[in-house]
Amino acid sequence: MGRRSLHQEITCEIREMILAGQLRPGSKVPEKELAEQLEISRTPLREALKALSVEGLVTLMPNRGASVSVVTRQQLEELLPVMGVLEELGGALLCARLAAAEDRAAMLAPLEALHAEILAGYAACDEPRYRKANKGFHEAVIAQGGNGELLEIYRIALARMHMSRFLAEKTAEDWAQAVADHEGIIAAIRAGDGPLTGRLLRHHAEHTARRAVLNALDRQG
């Protein structure tokens, strides 16, 4: 794979700032400060913001710059079933590749490590650590499935989804259910059961994640 262009590097860096909550939903993107921080001119920065607007992470305002998009309840209601379908397909593809893999343990290792990190974040009541591992796990499931087009579509949906994750903490009940879901998902992956893995991933998105995210939004008012 070739080296990423400056435009891609900047786009990735600003995307991570948004997902980490360094740039908050509804806030104006500080172009001058970002350009100085990243040591670039305003032109590549604005190109990156255009790319992020296509992903739905940034809203461009004529003659007023850009702001970080606000994820609405309706968008989340519409997005979660889409995430479920994508993850169901990704889980099935992953298990198919595992069945054909020469070194199954090596292919499972990154998923096992991320699952262990999810459990560690939960045990330590460290939600940022948990969120990071959780995002990595779900993205790794899709990536290990080997379908590049699916991965590209999924990453855009995942970025929009995770914009809502840092707005409010999960309740203890929501968090415990999410971890229980993950225990079932990794067990199905270890067993190489594609249909079950897909069903569990879809249920996790459409029910457990939906309840947690929408409950958080309700608590925010």
Protein backbone atom coordinates (compact mmCIF):
# COMPACT_ATOMS: atom_id res chain seq x y z
CA MET A 1 0.00 0.00 0.00
CA GLY A 2 1.36 3.43 -0.93
CA ARG A 3 2.08 6.25 1.45
CA ARG A 4 -0.93 8.37 2.27
CA SER A 5 -1.10 11.83 0.70
CA LEU A 6 -0.97 15.01 2.78
CA HIS A 7 -4.68 15.47 2.13
CA GLN A 8 -5.44 11.97 3.47
CA GLU A 9 -3.22 12.50 6.52
CA ILE A 10 -4.94 15.77 7.42
CA THR A 11 -8.40 14.31 6.85
CA CYS A 12 -7.56 11.37 9.12
CA GLU A 13 -6.11 13.61 11.83
CA ILE A 14 -9.12 15.94 11.95
CA ARG A 15 -11.50 12.96 11.87
CA GLU A 16 -9.76 11.53 14.95
CA MET A 17 -10.01 14.91 16.72
CA ILE A 18 -13.77 14.89 16.12
CA LEU A 19 -14.22 11.30 17.25
CA ALA A 20 -12.10 11.89 20.35
CA GLY A 21 -14.24 14.88 21.30
CA GLN A 22 -11.45 17.44 20.84
CA LEU A 23 -13.74 19.16 18.34
CA ARG A 24 -17.24 19.05 19.79
CA PRO A 25 -20.54 18.70 17.88
CA GLY A 26 -21.93 22.10 16.94
CA SER A 27 -18.63 23.93 17.47
CA LYS A 28 -16.99 25.99 14.74
CA VAL A 29 -13.87 24.41 13.27
CA PRO A 30 -10.95 26.75 14.20
CA GLU A 31 -9.25 26.75 10.81
CA LYS A 32 -6.48 29.22 11.64
CA GLU A 33 -5.51 27.40 14.86
CA LEU A 34 -5.70 23.97 13.20
CA ALA A 35 -3.55 25.09 10.28
CA GLU A 36 -0.92 26.36 12.73
CA GLN A 37 -1.12 23.21 14.87
CA LEU A 38 -0.77 20.89 11.86
CA GLU A 39 1.81 23.20 10.22
CA ILE A 40 -0.06 23.39 6.92
CA SER A 41 -1.67 26.08 4.79
CA ARG A 42 -5.43 26.70 4.79
CA THR A 43 -5.84 25.14 1.30
CA PRO A 44 -5.16 21.46 2.20
CA LEU A 45 -7.07 22.00 5.45
CA ARG A 46 -10.16 23.13 3.56
CA GLU A 47 -9.86 20.19 1.17
CA ALA A 48 -9.84 17.87 4.19
CA LEU A 49 -12.93 19.60 5.59
CA LYS A 50 -14.71 19.07 2.26
CA ALA A 51 -13.92 15.35 2.47
CA LEU A 52 -15.21 15.21 6.05
CA SER A 53 -18.40 16.98 4.99
CA VAL A 54 -19.05 14.14 2.55
CA GLU A 55 -18.71 11.72 5.48
CA GLY A 56 -21.24 13.78 7.43
CA LEU A 57 -18.77 14.76 10.17
CA VAL A 58 -18.47 18.41 9.19
CA THR A 59 -21.03 20.95 7.96
CA LEU A 60 -19.75 23.58 5.53
CA MET A 61 -21.37 27.01 5.84
CA PRO A 62 -21.06 29.45 2.91
CA ASN A 63 -18.79 32.34 3.89
CA ARG A 64 -18.80 31.16 7.51
CA GLY A 65 -16.33 28.28 7.49
CA ALA A 66 -17.17 24.85 8.88
CA SER A 67 -18.67 23.41 12.03
CA VAL A 68 -18.66 19.92 13.53
CA SER A 69 -21.92 18.22 12.60
CA VAL A 70 -24.52 17.45 15.26
CA VAL A 71 -25.85 13.88 15.14
CA THR A 72 -29.62 13.91 15.57
CA ARG A 73 -31.81 11.25 17.11
CA GLN A 74 -33.43 10.58 13.74
CA GLN A 75 -30.05 10.05 12.08
CA LEU A 76 -29.09 7.55 14.77
CA GLU A 77 -32.42 5.75 14.44
CA GLU A 78 -31.77 5.40 10.70
CA LEU A 79 -28.08 4.58 11.02
CA LEU A 80 -28.21 1.76 13.57
CA PRO A 81 -30.12 -0.74 11.36
CA VAL A 82 -27.63 0.02 8.57
CA MET A 83 -24.76 -0.71 10.96
CA GLY A 84 -26.47 -3.96 11.91
CA VAL A 85 -26.72 -5.16 8.32
CA LEU A 86 -23.10 -4.22 7.56
CA GLU A 87 -21.84 -5.98 10.69
CA GLU A 88 -23.92 -9.08 9.98
CA LEU A 89 -22.30 -9.38 6.55
CA GLY A 90 -18.86 -8.63 8.00
CA GLY A 91 -19.22 -11.36 10.62
CA ALA A 92 -20.17 -13.94 8.02
CA LEU A 93 -17.24 -12.97 5.77
CA LEU A 94 -14.84 -13.08 8.70
CA CYS A 95 -15.85 -16.62 9.67
CA ALA A 96 -15.60 -17.78 6.05
CA ARG A 97 -12.04 -16.46 5.89
CA LEU A 98 -11.21 -18.05 9.24
CA ALA A 99 -12.37 -21.42 7.94
CA ALA A 100 -9.98 -21.13 5.00
CA ALA A 101 -7.05 -19.58 6.89
CA GLU A 102 -3.75 -21.45 7.10
CA ASP A 103 -2.95 -19.80 10.44
CA ARG A 104 -6.29 -19.35 12.16
CA ALA A 105 -4.73 -18.36 15.48
CA ALA A 106 -2.79 -15.51 13.88
CA MET A 107 -5.95 -14.20 12.24
CA LEU A 108 -7.86 -14.37 15.53
CA ALA A 109 -5.09 -12.76 17.59
CA PRO A 110 -5.96 -9.08 16.90
CA LEU A 111 -9.62 -9.70 17.72
CA GLU A 112 -8.71 -11.54 20.91
CA ALA A 113 -6.44 -8.68 21.97
CA LEU A 114 -9.13 -6.07 21.34
CA HIS A 115 -11.73 -8.15 23.18
CA ALA A 116 -9.37 -8.41 26.17
CA GLU A 117 -8.94 -4.63 26.08
CA ILE A 118 -12.73 -4.18 26.03
CA LEU A 119 -12.98 -6.31 29.18
CA ALA A 120 -10.10 -4.45 30.82
CA GLY A 121 -11.72 -1.08 30.11
CA TYR A 122 -14.98 -2.32 31.56
CA ALA A 123 -13.33 -3.79 34.67
CA ALA A 124 -11.49 -0.51 35.29
CA CYS A 125 -14.66 1.57 34.68
CA ASP A 126 -12.57 3.40 32.06
CA GLU A 127 -15.12 4.28 29.40
CA PRO A 128 -12.74 6.10 27.01
CA ARG A 129 -10.49 3.01 27.03
CA TYR A 130 -13.53 0.80 26.48
CA ARG A 131 -14.84 2.97 23.62
CA LYS A 132 -11.49 2.91 21.82
CA ALA A 133 -11.21 -0.89 22.08
CA ASN A 134 -14.85 -1.36 21.13
CA LYS A 135 -14.47 0.78 18.00
CA GLY A 136 -11.29 -1.10 17.10
CA PHE A 137 -12.95 -4.49 17.59
CA HIS A 138 -15.94 -3.81 15.36
CA GLU A 139 -13.77 -2.26 12.66
CA ALA A 140 -11.37 -5.22 12.85
CA VAL A 141 -14.23 -7.70 12.33
CA ILE A 142 -15.10 -5.94 9.06
CA ALA A 143 -11.47 -5.54 8.00
CA GLN A 144 -10.69 -9.22 8.64
CA GLY A 145 -13.61 -10.14 6.40
CA GLY A 146 -11.47 -9.01 3.48
CA ASN A 147 -14.05 -6.95 1.56
CA GLY A 148 -12.52 -3.53 0.91
CA GLU A 149 -15.71 -1.91 -0.33
CA LEU A 150 -17.63 -3.04 2.75
CA LEU A 151 -14.84 -1.70 4.99
CA GLU A 152 -14.92 1.73 3.31
CA ILE A 153 -18.69 2.04 3.68
CA TYR A 154 -18.56 0.75 7.24
CA ARG A 155 -15.88 3.23 8.32
CA ILE A 156 -18.02 6.17 7.20
CA ALA A 157 -21.03 4.82 9.10
CA LEU A 158 -18.86 4.00 12.13
CA ALA A 159 -17.46 7.53 12.26
CA ARG A 160 -20.96 9.02 12.31
CA MET A 161 -22.03 6.51 14.91
CA HIS A 162 -19.13 7.23 17.24
CA MET A 163 -19.76 10.96 17.19
CA SER A 164 -22.59 10.20 19.60
CA ARG A 165 -20.56 7.96 21.90
CA PHE A 166 -18.70 10.63 23.87
CA LEU A 167 -21.78 12.78 24.53
CA ALA A 168 -22.82 10.85 27.63
CA GLU A 169 -21.70 7.88 29.65
CA LYS A 170 -23.52 4.57 29.49
CA THR A 171 -25.64 3.41 32.40
CA ALA A 172 -24.26 0.45 34.35
CA GLU A 173 -27.00 -1.75 32.87
CA ASP A 174 -26.34 -0.69 29.26
CA TRP A 175 -22.60 -1.19 29.69
CA ALA A 176 -22.98 -4.64 31.26
CA GLN A 177 -25.27 -5.74 28.43
CA ALA A 178 -22.83 -4.51 25.80
CA VAL A 179 -20.01 -6.50 27.39
CA ALA A 180 -22.21 -9.60 27.62
CA ASP A 181 -22.96 -9.21 23.90
CA HIS A 182 -19.25 -9.07 23.16
CA GLU A 183 -18.62 -12.28 25.10
CA GLY A 184 -21.19 -14.02 22.89
CA ILE A 185 -19.78 -12.50 19.70
CA ILE A 186 -16.18 -13.54 20.35
CA ALA A 187 -17.34 -17.05 21.31
CA ALA A 188 -19.22 -17.36 18.00
CA ILE A 189 -16.15 -16.11 16.10
CA ARG A 190 -13.91 -18.62 17.88
CA ALA A 191 -16.37 -21.36 16.91
CA GLY A 192 -16.30 -20.17 13.29
CA ASP A 193 -20.10 -19.93 13.22
CA GLY A 194 -20.74 -17.29 10.55
CA PRO A 195 -24.57 -17.16 10.75
CA LEU A 196 -24.52 -16.90 14.55
CA THR A 197 -21.73 -14.30 14.54
CA GLY A 198 -23.69 -12.22 12.04
CA ARG A 199 -26.94 -12.46 14.00
CA LEU A 200 -25.23 -11.48 17.27
CA LEU A 201 -23.47 -8.51 15.70
CA ARG A 202 -26.71 -7.31 14.13
CA HIS A 203 -28.61 -7.70 17.40
CA HIS A 204 -25.85 -5.82 19.22
CA ALA A 205 -26.22 -2.85 16.84
CA GLU A 206 -29.99 -2.84 16.48
CA HIS A 207 -30.90 -3.45 20.12
CA THR A 208 -28.11 -3.09 22.70
CA ALA A 209 -26.25 -0.19 21.05
CA ARG A 210 -29.51 1.47 20.04
CA ARG A 211 -30.86 1.41 23.58
CA ALA A 212 -27.59 2.70 25.07
CA VAL A 213 -27.15 5.55 22.59
CA LEU A 214 -30.77 6.70 22.60
CA ASN A 215 -30.97 6.47 26.39
CA ALA A 216 -27.87 8.65 26.58
CA LEU A 217 -29.45 11.22 24.28
CA ASP A 218 -32.62 11.20 26.37
CA ARG A 219 -30.59 11.89 29.51
CA GLN A 220 -28.94 14.79 27.71
CA GLY A 221 -32.39 16.20 26.92
